[in-house]
Amino acid sequence: NKISLSQNEVNVLNLTGAELQNLPFLT
């Protein structure tokens, strides 16, 4: 449940509603 951003560019994360609901946390 972690995400790592690429520096100096637009970062895009695509989630379904179910995926978002099922995430217990996001680090």
mmCIF file of all heavy atoms, coordinates in Angstrom:
data_MODEL
# 
_entry.id   MODEL 
# 
loop_
_atom_site.group_PDB 
_atom_site.id 
_atom_site.type_symbol 
_atom_site.label_atom_id 
_atom_site.label_alt_id 
_atom_site.label_comp_id 
_atom_site.label_asym_id 
_atom_site.label_entity_id 
_atom_site.label_seq_id 
_atom_site.pdbx_PDB_ins_code 
_atom_site.Cartn_x 
_atom_site.Cartn_y 
_atom_site.Cartn_z 
_atom_site.occupancy 
_atom_site.B_iso_or_equiv 
_atom_site.pdbx_formal_charge 
_atom_site.auth_seq_id 
_atom_site.auth_comp_id 
_atom_site.auth_asym_id 
_atom_site.auth_atom_id 
_atom_site.pdbx_PDB_model_num 
ATOM 1   N N   . ASN A 1 1  ? 0.812   -1.231 0.000   1.00 0.00 ? 1  ASN A N   1 
ATOM 2   C CA  . ASN A 1 1  ? 0.000   0.000  0.000   1.00 0.00 ? 1  ASN A CA  1 
ATOM 3   C C   . ASN A 1 1  ? 0.839   1.271  0.000   1.00 0.00 ? 1  ASN A C   1 
ATOM 4   O O   . ASN A 1 1  ? 0.513   2.250  0.686   1.00 0.00 ? 1  ASN A O   1 
ATOM 5   C CB  . ASN A 1 1  ? -0.971  0.005  1.186   1.00 0.00 ? 1  ASN A CB  1 
ATOM 6   C CG  . ASN A 1 1  ? -1.879  -1.198 1.209   1.00 0.00 ? 1  ASN A CG  1 
ATOM 7   O OD1 . ASN A 1 1  ? -2.445  -1.569 0.186   1.00 0.00 ? 1  ASN A OD1 1 
ATOM 8   N ND2 . ASN A 1 1  ? -2.000  -1.839 2.362   1.00 0.00 ? 1  ASN A ND2 1 
ATOM 9   N N   . LYS A 1 2  ? 1.909   1.258  -0.779  1.00 0.00 ? 2  LYS A N   1 
ATOM 10  C CA  . LYS A 1 2  ? 2.773   2.422  -0.896  1.00 0.00 ? 2  LYS A CA  1 
ATOM 11  C C   . LYS A 1 2  ? 2.806   2.905  -2.345  1.00 0.00 ? 2  LYS A C   1 
ATOM 12  O O   . LYS A 1 2  ? 2.613   2.121  -3.278  1.00 0.00 ? 2  LYS A O   1 
ATOM 13  C CB  . LYS A 1 2  ? 4.195   2.094  -0.440  1.00 0.00 ? 2  LYS A CB  1 
ATOM 14  C CG  . LYS A 1 2  ? 4.310   1.742  1.031   1.00 0.00 ? 2  LYS A CG  1 
ATOM 15  C CD  . LYS A 1 2  ? 5.763   1.428  1.406   1.00 0.00 ? 2  LYS A CD  1 
ATOM 16  C CE  . LYS A 1 2  ? 5.882   1.104  2.890   1.00 0.00 ? 2  LYS A CE  1 
ATOM 17  N NZ  . LYS A 1 2  ? 7.280   0.766  3.260   1.00 0.00 ? 2  LYS A NZ  1 
ATOM 18  N N   . ILE A 1 3  ? 3.038   4.211  -2.517  1.00 0.00 ? 3  ILE A N   1 
ATOM 19  C CA  . ILE A 1 3  ? 3.278   4.750  -3.847  1.00 0.00 ? 3  ILE A CA  1 
ATOM 20  C C   . ILE A 1 3  ? 4.557   5.581  -3.810  1.00 0.00 ? 3  ILE A C   1 
ATOM 21  O O   . ILE A 1 3  ? 4.857   6.243  -2.811  1.00 0.00 ? 3  ILE A O   1 
ATOM 22  C CB  . ILE A 1 3  ? 2.099   5.605  -4.376  1.00 0.00 ? 3  ILE A CB  1 
ATOM 23  C CG1 . ILE A 1 3  ? 1.777   6.763  -3.441  1.00 0.00 ? 3  ILE A CG1 1 
ATOM 24  C CG2 . ILE A 1 3  ? 0.873   4.744  -4.625  1.00 0.00 ? 3  ILE A CG2 1 
ATOM 25  C CD1 . ILE A 1 3  ? 0.738   7.720  -4.013  1.00 0.00 ? 3  ILE A CD1 1 
ATOM 26  N N   . SER A 1 4  ? 5.281   5.537  -4.921  1.00 0.00 ? 4  SER A N   1 
ATOM 27  C CA  . SER A 1 4  ? 6.507   6.316  -5.063  1.00 0.00 ? 4  SER A CA  1 
ATOM 28  C C   . SER A 1 4  ? 6.353   7.214  -6.278  1.00 0.00 ? 4  SER A C   1 
ATOM 29  O O   . SER A 1 4  ? 6.074   6.729  -7.393  1.00 0.00 ? 4  SER A O   1 
ATOM 30  C CB  . SER A 1 4  ? 7.718   5.391  -5.236  1.00 0.00 ? 4  SER A CB  1 
ATOM 31  O OG  . SER A 1 4  ? 8.909   6.139  -5.378  1.00 0.00 ? 4  SER A OG  1 
ATOM 32  N N   . LEU A 1 5  ? 6.505   8.522  -6.085  1.00 0.00 ? 5  LEU A N   1 
ATOM 33  C CA  . LEU A 1 5  ? 6.290   9.489  -7.151  1.00 0.00 ? 5  LEU A CA  1 
ATOM 34  C C   . LEU A 1 5  ? 7.577   9.733  -7.938  1.00 0.00 ? 5  LEU A C   1 
ATOM 35  O O   . LEU A 1 5  ? 8.672   9.753  -7.368  1.00 0.00 ? 5  LEU A O   1 
ATOM 36  C CB  . LEU A 1 5  ? 5.802   10.817 -6.570  1.00 0.00 ? 5  LEU A CB  1 
ATOM 37  C CG  . LEU A 1 5  ? 4.562   10.755 -5.686  1.00 0.00 ? 5  LEU A CG  1 
ATOM 38  C CD1 . LEU A 1 5  ? 4.192   12.146 -5.192  1.00 0.00 ? 5  LEU A CD1 1 
ATOM 39  C CD2 . LEU A 1 5  ? 3.386   10.127 -6.428  1.00 0.00 ? 5  LEU A CD2 1 
ATOM 40  N N   . SER A 1 6  ? 7.423   9.925  -9.237  1.00 0.00 ? 6  SER A N   1 
ATOM 41  C CA  . SER A 1 6  ? 8.552   10.320 -10.086 1.00 0.00 ? 6  SER A CA  1 
ATOM 42  C C   . SER A 1 6  ? 8.721   11.828 -9.984  1.00 0.00 ? 6  SER A C   1 
ATOM 43  O O   . SER A 1 6  ? 7.776   12.584 -10.212 1.00 0.00 ? 6  SER A O   1 
ATOM 44  C CB  . SER A 1 6  ? 8.288   9.924  -11.539 1.00 0.00 ? 6  SER A CB  1 
ATOM 45  O OG  . SER A 1 6  ? 8.152   8.520  -11.654 1.00 0.00 ? 6  SER A OG  1 
ATOM 46  N N   . GLN A 1 7  ? 9.930   12.247 -9.650  1.00 0.00 ? 7  GLN A N   1 
ATOM 47  C CA  . GLN A 1 7  ? 10.184  13.665 -9.420  1.00 0.00 ? 7  GLN A CA  1 
ATOM 48  C C   . GLN A 1 7  ? 10.094  14.467 -10.715 1.00 0.00 ? 7  GLN A C   1 
ATOM 49  O O   . GLN A 1 7  ? 10.461  13.995 -11.793 1.00 0.00 ? 7  GLN A O   1 
ATOM 50  C CB  . GLN A 1 7  ? 11.549  13.875 -8.793  1.00 0.00 ? 7  GLN A CB  1 
ATOM 51  C CG  . GLN A 1 7  ? 11.667  13.327 -7.365  1.00 0.00 ? 7  GLN A CG  1 
ATOM 52  C CD  . GLN A 1 7  ? 10.721  14.012 -6.410  1.00 0.00 ? 7  GLN A CD  1 
ATOM 53  O OE1 . GLN A 1 7  ? 9.940   13.357 -5.728  1.00 0.00 ? 7  GLN A OE1 1 
ATOM 54  N NE2 . GLN A 1 7  ? 10.775  15.335 -6.360  1.00 0.00 ? 7  GLN A NE2 1 
ATOM 55  N N   . ASN A 1 8  ? 9.581   15.691 -10.593 1.00 0.00 ? 8  ASN A N   1 
ATOM 56  C CA  . ASN A 1 8  ? 9.561   16.682 -11.673 1.00 0.00 ? 8  ASN A CA  1 
ATOM 57  C C   . ASN A 1 8  ? 8.756   16.231 -12.884 1.00 0.00 ? 8  ASN A C   1 
ATOM 58  O O   . ASN A 1 8  ? 9.107   16.536 -14.022 1.00 0.00 ? 8  ASN A O   1 
ATOM 59  C CB  . ASN A 1 8  ? 10.986  17.056 -12.083 1.00 0.00 ? 8  ASN A CB  1 
ATOM 60  C CG  . ASN A 1 8  ? 11.789  17.617 -10.930 1.00 0.00 ? 8  ASN A CG  1 
ATOM 61  O OD1 . ASN A 1 8  ? 11.294  18.423 -10.148 1.00 0.00 ? 8  ASN A OD1 1 
ATOM 62  N ND2 . ASN A 1 8  ? 13.035  17.176 -10.811 1.00 0.00 ? 8  ASN A ND2 1 
ATOM 63  N N   . GLU A 1 9  ? 7.690   15.505 -12.633 1.00 0.00 ? 9  GLU A N   1 
ATOM 64  C CA  . GLU A 1 9  ? 6.748   15.180 -13.693 1.00 0.00 ? 9  GLU A CA  1 
ATOM 65  C C   . GLU A 1 9  ? 5.379   14.935 -13.083 1.00 0.00 ? 9  GLU A C   1 
ATOM 66  O O   . GLU A 1 9  ? 5.239   14.765 -11.868 1.00 0.00 ? 9  GLU A O   1 
ATOM 67  C CB  . GLU A 1 9  ? 7.208   13.972 -14.498 1.00 0.00 ? 9  GLU A CB  1 
ATOM 68  C CG  . GLU A 1 9  ? 7.243   12.668 -13.743 1.00 0.00 ? 9  GLU A CG  1 
ATOM 69  C CD  . GLU A 1 9  ? 7.632   11.491 -14.639 1.00 0.00 ? 9  GLU A CD  1 
ATOM 70  O OE1 . GLU A 1 9  ? 8.839   11.304 -14.875 1.00 0.00 ? 9  GLU A OE1 1 
ATOM 71  O OE2 . GLU A 1 9  ? 6.705   10.809 -15.122 1.00 0.00 ? 9  GLU A OE2 1 
ATOM 72  N N   . VAL A 1 10 ? 4.352   14.943 -13.947 1.00 0.00 ? 10 VAL A N   1 
ATOM 73  C CA  . VAL A 1 10 ? 2.995   14.670 -13.494 1.00 0.00 ? 10 VAL A CA  1 
ATOM 74  C C   . VAL A 1 10 ? 2.857   13.174 -13.238 1.00 0.00 ? 10 VAL A C   1 
ATOM 75  O O   . VAL A 1 10 ? 3.138   12.354 -14.103 1.00 0.00 ? 10 VAL A O   1 
ATOM 76  C CB  . VAL A 1 10 ? 1.960   15.127 -14.528 1.00 0.00 ? 10 VAL A CB  1 
ATOM 77  C CG1 . VAL A 1 10 ? 0.554   14.778 -14.071 1.00 0.00 ? 10 VAL A CG1 1 
ATOM 78  C CG2 . VAL A 1 10 ? 2.080   16.623 -14.770 1.00 0.00 ? 10 VAL A CG2 1 
ATOM 79  N N   . ASN A 1 11 ? 2.424   12.833 -12.032 1.00 0.00 ? 11 ASN A N   1 
ATOM 80  C CA  . ASN A 1 11 ? 2.214   11.436 -11.664 1.00 0.00 ? 11 ASN A CA  1 
ATOM 81  C C   . ASN A 1 11 ? 0.730   11.118 -11.752 1.00 0.00 ? 11 ASN A C   1 
ATOM 82  O O   . ASN A 1 11 ? -0.112  11.920 -11.312 1.00 0.00 ? 11 ASN A O   1 
ATOM 83  C CB  . ASN A 1 11 ? 2.714   11.190 -10.246 1.00 0.00 ? 11 ASN A CB  1 
ATOM 84  C CG  . ASN A 1 11 ? 4.231   11.251 -10.156 1.00 0.00 ? 11 ASN A CG  1 
ATOM 85  O OD1 . ASN A 1 11 ? 4.900   10.223 -10.181 1.00 0.00 ? 11 ASN A OD1 1 
ATOM 86  N ND2 . ASN A 1 11 ? 4.780   12.464 -10.059 1.00 0.00 ? 11 ASN A ND2 1 
ATOM 87  N N   . VAL A 1 12 ? 0.413   9.946  -12.292 1.00 0.00 ? 12 VAL A N   1 
ATOM 88  C CA  . VAL A 1 12 ? -0.977  9.539  -12.484 1.00 0.00 ? 12 VAL A CA  1 
ATOM 89  C C   . VAL A 1 12 ? -1.185  8.158  -11.872 1.00 0.00 ? 12 VAL A C   1 
ATOM 90  O O   . VAL A 1 12 ? -0.443  7.213  -12.175 1.00 0.00 ? 12 VAL A O   1 
ATOM 91  C CB  . VAL A 1 12 ? -1.355  9.504  -13.983 1.00 0.00 ? 12 VAL A CB  1 
ATOM 92  C CG1 . VAL A 1 12 ? -2.810  9.061  -14.155 1.00 0.00 ? 12 VAL A CG1 1 
ATOM 93  C CG2 . VAL A 1 12 ? -1.129  10.864 -14.625 1.00 0.00 ? 12 VAL A CG2 1 
ATOM 94  N N   . LEU A 1 13 ? -2.186  8.073  -11.014 1.00 0.00 ? 13 LEU A N   1 
ATOM 95  C CA  . LEU A 1 13 ? -2.594  6.806  -10.408 1.00 0.00 ? 13 LEU A CA  1 
ATOM 96  C C   . LEU A 1 13 ? -4.057  6.570  -10.762 1.00 0.00 ? 13 LEU A C   1 
ATOM 97  O O   . LEU A 1 13 ? -4.903  7.427  -10.493 1.00 0.00 ? 13 LEU A O   1 
ATOM 98  C CB  . LEU A 1 13 ? -2.420  6.864  -8.889  1.00 0.00 ? 13 LEU A CB  1 
ATOM 99  C CG  . LEU A 1 13 ? -2.947  5.682  -8.081  1.00 0.00 ? 13 LEU A CG  1 
ATOM 100 C CD1 . LEU A 1 13 ? -2.200  4.395  -8.438  1.00 0.00 ? 13 LEU A CD1 1 
ATOM 101 C CD2 . LEU A 1 13 ? -2.856  5.958  -6.579  1.00 0.00 ? 13 LEU A CD2 1 
ATOM 102 N N   . ASN A 1 14 ? -4.348  5.436  -11.382 1.00 0.00 ? 14 ASN A N   1 
ATOM 103 C CA  . ASN A 1 14 ? -5.714  5.097  -11.765 1.00 0.00 ? 14 ASN A CA  1 
ATOM 104 C C   . ASN A 1 14 ? -6.254  3.997  -10.869 1.00 0.00 ? 14 ASN A C   1 
ATOM 105 O O   . ASN A 1 14 ? -5.638  2.930  -10.739 1.00 0.00 ? 14 ASN A O   1 
ATOM 106 C CB  . ASN A 1 14 ? -5.768  4.644  -13.230 1.00 0.00 ? 14 ASN A CB  1 
ATOM 107 C CG  . ASN A 1 14 ? -5.482  5.773  -14.202 1.00 0.00 ? 14 ASN A CG  1 
ATOM 108 O OD1 . ASN A 1 14 ? -5.672  6.946  -13.869 1.00 0.00 ? 14 ASN A OD1 1 
ATOM 109 N ND2 . ASN A 1 14 ? -5.032  5.445  -15.400 1.00 0.00 ? 14 ASN A ND2 1 
ATOM 110 N N   . LEU A 1 15 ? -7.409  4.252  -10.243 1.00 0.00 ? 15 LEU A N   1 
ATOM 111 C CA  . LEU A 1 15 ? -8.032  3.301  -9.341  1.00 0.00 ? 15 LEU A CA  1 
ATOM 112 C C   . LEU A 1 15 ? -9.503  3.150  -9.687  1.00 0.00 ? 15 LEU A C   1 
ATOM 113 O O   . LEU A 1 15 ? -10.149 4.114  -10.103 1.00 0.00 ? 15 LEU A O   1 
ATOM 114 C CB  . LEU A 1 15 ? -7.924  3.767  -7.890  1.00 0.00 ? 15 LEU A CB  1 
ATOM 115 C CG  . LEU A 1 15 ? -6.536  3.951  -7.280  1.00 0.00 ? 15 LEU A CG  1 
ATOM 116 C CD1 . LEU A 1 15 ? -6.653  4.613  -5.911  1.00 0.00 ? 15 LEU A CD1 1 
ATOM 117 C CD2 . LEU A 1 15 ? -5.812  2.620  -7.162  1.00 0.00 ? 15 LEU A CD2 1 
ATOM 118 N N   . THR A 1 16 ? -10.040 1.956  -9.492  1.00 0.00 ? 16 THR A N   1 
ATOM 119 C CA  . THR A 1 16 ? -11.482 1.798  -9.516  1.00 0.00 ? 16 THR A CA  1 
ATOM 120 C C   . THR A 1 16 ? -12.022 2.170  -8.132  1.00 0.00 ? 16 THR A C   1 
ATOM 121 O O   . THR A 1 16 ? -11.268 2.238  -7.147  1.00 0.00 ? 16 THR A O   1 
ATOM 122 C CB  . THR A 1 16 ? -11.878 0.355  -9.850  1.00 0.00 ? 16 THR A CB  1 
ATOM 123 O OG1 . THR A 1 16 ? -11.445 -0.507 -8.787  1.00 0.00 ? 16 THR A OG1 1 
ATOM 124 C CG2 . THR A 1 16 ? -11.243 -0.091 -11.166 1.00 0.00 ? 16 THR A CG2 1 
ATOM 125 N N   . GLY A 1 17 ? -13.329 2.372  -8.066  1.00 0.00 ? 17 GLY A N   1 
ATOM 126 C CA  . GLY A 1 17 ? -13.922 2.660  -6.776  1.00 0.00 ? 17 GLY A CA  1 
ATOM 127 C C   . GLY A 1 17 ? -13.697 1.527  -5.787  1.00 0.00 ? 17 GLY A C   1 
ATOM 128 O O   . GLY A 1 17 ? -13.411 1.759  -4.600  1.00 0.00 ? 17 GLY A O   1 
ATOM 129 N N   . ALA A 1 18 ? -13.800 0.280  -6.261  1.00 0.00 ? 18 ALA A N   1 
ATOM 130 C CA  . ALA A 1 18 ? -13.591 -0.871 -5.381  1.00 0.00 ? 18 ALA A CA  1 
ATOM 131 C C   . ALA A 1 18 ? -12.155 -0.921 -4.877  1.00 0.00 ? 18 ALA A C   1 
ATOM 132 O O   . ALA A 1 18 ? -11.910 -1.220 -3.697  1.00 0.00 ? 18 ALA A O   1 
ATOM 133 C CB  . ALA A 1 18 ? -13.945 -2.160 -6.121  1.00 0.00 ? 18 ALA A CB  1 
ATOM 134 N N   . GLU A 1 19 ? -11.209 -0.627 -5.753  1.00 0.00 ? 19 GLU A N   1 
ATOM 135 C CA  . GLU A 1 19 ? -9.804  -0.629 -5.327  1.00 0.00 ? 19 GLU A CA  1 
ATOM 136 C C   . GLU A 1 19 ? -9.555  0.434  -4.258  1.00 0.00 ? 19 GLU A C   1 
ATOM 137 O O   . GLU A 1 19 ? -8.833  0.194  -3.287  1.00 0.00 ? 19 GLU A O   1 
ATOM 138 C CB  . GLU A 1 19 ? -8.895  -0.396 -6.529  1.00 0.00 ? 19 GLU A CB  1 
ATOM 139 C CG  . GLU A 1 19 ? -8.815  -1.587 -7.472  1.00 0.00 ? 19 GLU A CG  1 
ATOM 140 C CD  . GLU A 1 19 ? -8.094  -1.263 -8.765  1.00 0.00 ? 19 GLU A CD  1 
ATOM 141 O OE1 . GLU A 1 19 ? -8.046  -0.069 -9.149  1.00 0.00 ? 19 GLU A OE1 1 
ATOM 142 O OE2 . GLU A 1 19 ? -7.594  -2.213 -9.415  1.00 0.00 ? 19 GLU A OE2 1 
ATOM 143 N N   . LEU A 1 20 ? -10.156 1.611  -4.437  1.00 0.00 ? 20 LEU A N   1 
ATOM 144 C CA  . LEU A 1 20 ? -9.985  2.661  -3.444  1.00 0.00 ? 20 LEU A CA  1 
ATOM 145 C C   . LEU A 1 20 ? -10.621 2.258  -2.111  1.00 0.00 ? 20 LEU A C   1 
ATOM 146 O O   . LEU A 1 20 ? -10.026 2.458  -1.040  1.00 0.00 ? 20 LEU A O   1 
ATOM 147 C CB  . LEU A 1 20 ? -10.601 3.965  -3.952  1.00 0.00 ? 20 LEU A CB  1 
ATOM 148 C CG  . LEU A 1 20 ? -10.542 5.166  -3.010  1.00 0.00 ? 20 LEU A CG  1 
ATOM 149 C CD1 . LEU A 1 20 ? -9.106  5.505  -2.633  1.00 0.00 ? 20 LEU A CD1 1 
ATOM 150 C CD2 . LEU A 1 20 ? -11.216 6.381  -3.646  1.00 0.00 ? 20 LEU A CD2 1 
ATOM 151 N N   . GLN A 1 21 ? -11.809 1.680  -2.166  1.00 0.00 ? 21 GLN A N   1 
ATOM 152 C CA  . GLN A 1 21 ? -12.478 1.262  -0.943  1.00 0.00 ? 21 GLN A CA  1 
ATOM 153 C C   . GLN A 1 21 ? -11.692 0.190  -0.201  1.00 0.00 ? 21 GLN A C   1 
ATOM 154 O O   . GLN A 1 21 ? -11.698 0.140  1.034   1.00 0.00 ? 21 GLN A O   1 
ATOM 155 C CB  . GLN A 1 21 ? -13.883 0.729  -1.250  1.00 0.00 ? 21 GLN A CB  1 
ATOM 156 C CG  . GLN A 1 21 ? -14.918 1.801  -1.476  1.00 0.00 ? 21 GLN A CG  1 
ATOM 157 C CD  . GLN A 1 21 ? -15.356 2.457  -0.160  1.00 0.00 ? 21 GLN A CD  1 
ATOM 158 O OE1 . GLN A 1 21 ? -14.548 2.698  0.725   1.00 0.00 ? 21 GLN A OE1 1 
ATOM 159 N NE2 . GLN A 1 21 ? -16.631 2.765  -0.055  1.00 0.00 ? 21 GLN A NE2 1 
ATOM 160 N N   . ASN A 1 22 ? -11.020 -0.678 -0.936  1.00 0.00 ? 22 ASN A N   1 
ATOM 161 C CA  . ASN A 1 22 ? -10.318 -1.801 -0.313  1.00 0.00 ? 22 ASN A CA  1 
ATOM 162 C C   . ASN A 1 22 ? -8.931  -1.441 0.201   1.00 0.00 ? 22 ASN A C   1 
ATOM 163 O O   . ASN A 1 22 ? -8.289  -2.282 0.849   1.00 0.00 ? 22 ASN A O   1 
ATOM 164 C CB  . ASN A 1 22 ? -10.210 -2.961 -1.303  1.00 0.00 ? 22 ASN A CB  1 
ATOM 165 C CG  . ASN A 1 22 ? -11.559 -3.614 -1.582  1.00 0.00 ? 22 ASN A CG  1 
ATOM 166 O OD1 . ASN A 1 22 ? -12.452 -3.611 -0.725  1.00 0.00 ? 22 ASN A OD1 1 
ATOM 167 N ND2 . ASN A 1 22 ? -11.733 -4.153 -2.777  1.00 0.00 ? 22 ASN A ND2 1 
ATOM 168 N N   . LEU A 1 23 ? -8.467  -0.225 -0.096  1.00 0.00 ? 23 LEU A N   1 
ATOM 169 C CA  . LEU A 1 23 ? -7.167  0.183  0.440   1.00 0.00 ? 23 LEU A CA  1 
ATOM 170 C C   . LEU A 1 23 ? -7.318  0.511  1.920   1.00 0.00 ? 23 LEU A C   1 
ATOM 171 O O   . LEU A 1 23 ? -8.052  1.432  2.281   1.00 0.00 ? 23 LEU A O   1 
ATOM 172 C CB  . LEU A 1 23 ? -6.647  1.414  -0.314  1.00 0.00 ? 23 LEU A CB  1 
ATOM 173 C CG  . LEU A 1 23 ? -5.956  1.202  -1.655  1.00 0.00 ? 23 LEU A CG  1 
ATOM 174 C CD1 . LEU A 1 23 ? -5.594  2.551  -2.280  1.00 0.00 ? 23 LEU A CD1 1 
ATOM 175 C CD2 . LEU A 1 23 ? -4.703  0.347  -1.499  1.00 0.00 ? 23 LEU A CD2 1 
ATOM 176 N N   . PRO A 1 24 ? -6.600  -0.196 2.809   1.00 0.00 ? 24 PRO A N   1 
ATOM 177 C CA  . PRO A 1 24 ? -6.703  0.121  4.233   1.00 0.00 ? 24 PRO A CA  1 
ATOM 178 C C   . PRO A 1 24 ? -6.005  1.425  4.591   1.00 0.00 ? 24 PRO A C   1 
ATOM 179 O O   . PRO A 1 24 ? -6.388  2.105  5.544   1.00 0.00 ? 24 PRO A O   1 
ATOM 180 C CB  . PRO A 1 24 ? -6.033  -1.076 4.913   1.00 0.00 ? 24 PRO A CB  1 
ATOM 181 C CG  . PRO A 1 24 ? -5.068  -1.589 3.890   1.00 0.00 ? 24 PRO A CG  1 
ATOM 182 C CD  . PRO A 1 24 ? -5.717  -1.344 2.558   1.00 0.00 ? 24 PRO A CD  1 
ATOM 183 N N   . PHE A 1 25 ? -4.990  1.776  3.835   1.00 0.00 ? 25 PHE A N   1 
ATOM 184 C CA  . PHE A 1 25 ? -4.251  3.023  4.008   1.00 0.00 ? 25 PHE A CA  1 
ATOM 185 C C   . PHE A 1 25 ? -3.409  3.237  2.756   1.00 0.00 ? 25 PHE A C   1 
ATOM 186 O O   . PHE A 1 25 ? -3.298  2.347  1.904   1.00 0.00 ? 25 PHE A O   1 
ATOM 187 C CB  . PHE A 1 25 ? -3.355  2.984  5.268   1.00 0.00 ? 25 PHE A CB  1 
ATOM 188 C CG  . PHE A 1 25 ? -2.338  1.878  5.255   1.00 0.00 ? 25 PHE A CG  1 
ATOM 189 C CD1 . PHE A 1 25 ? -1.081  2.054  4.684   1.00 0.00 ? 25 PHE A CD1 1 
ATOM 190 C CD2 . PHE A 1 25 ? -2.635  0.642  5.820   1.00 0.00 ? 25 PHE A CD2 1 
ATOM 191 C CE1 . PHE A 1 25 ? -0.154  1.034  4.653   1.00 0.00 ? 25 PHE A CE1 1 
ATOM 192 C CE2 . PHE A 1 25 ? -1.707  -0.398 5.798   1.00 0.00 ? 25 PHE A CE2 1 
ATOM 193 C CZ  . PHE A 1 25 ? -0.467  -0.197 5.214   1.00 0.00 ? 25 PHE A CZ  1 
ATOM 194 N N   . LEU A 1 26 ? -2.812  4.425  2.642   1.00 0.00 ? 26 LEU A N   1 
ATOM 195 C CA  . LEU A 1 26 ? -1.939  4.724  1.506   1.00 0.00 ? 26 LEU A CA  1 
ATOM 196 C C   . LEU A 1 26 ? -0.746  5.509  2.034   1.00 0.00 ? 26 LEU A C   1 
ATOM 197 O O   . LEU A 1 26 ? -0.909  6.572  2.636   1.00 0.00 ? 26 LEU A O   1 
ATOM 198 C CB  . LEU A 1 26 ? -2.686  5.543  0.449   1.00 0.00 ? 26 LEU A CB  1 
ATOM 199 C CG  . LEU A 1 26 ? -1.935  5.828  -0.858  1.00 0.00 ? 26 LEU A CG  1 
ATOM 200 C CD1 . LEU A 1 26 ? -1.611  4.531  -1.596  1.00 0.00 ? 26 LEU A CD1 1 
ATOM 201 C CD2 . LEU A 1 26 ? -2.750  6.753  -1.758  1.00 0.00 ? 26 LEU A CD2 1 
ATOM 202 N N   . THR A 1 27 ? 0.443   4.960  1.804   1.00 0.00 ? 27 THR A N   1 
ATOM 203 C CA  . THR A 1 27 ? 1.667   5.593  2.293   1.00 0.00 ? 27 THR A CA  1 
ATOM 204 C C   . THR A 1 27 ? 2.457   6.172  1.125   1.00 0.00 ? 27 THR A C   1 
ATOM 205 O O   . THR A 1 27 ? 2.700   5.478  0.129   1.00 0.00 ? 27 THR A O   1 
ATOM 206 C CB  . THR A 1 27 ? 2.547   4.579  3.043   1.00 0.00 ? 27 THR A CB  1 
ATOM 207 O OG1 . THR A 1 27 ? 1.823   4.085  4.171   1.00 0.00 ? 27 THR A OG1 1 
ATOM 208 C CG2 . THR A 1 27 ? 3.842   5.226  3.528   1.00 0.00 ? 27 THR A CG2 1 
# 
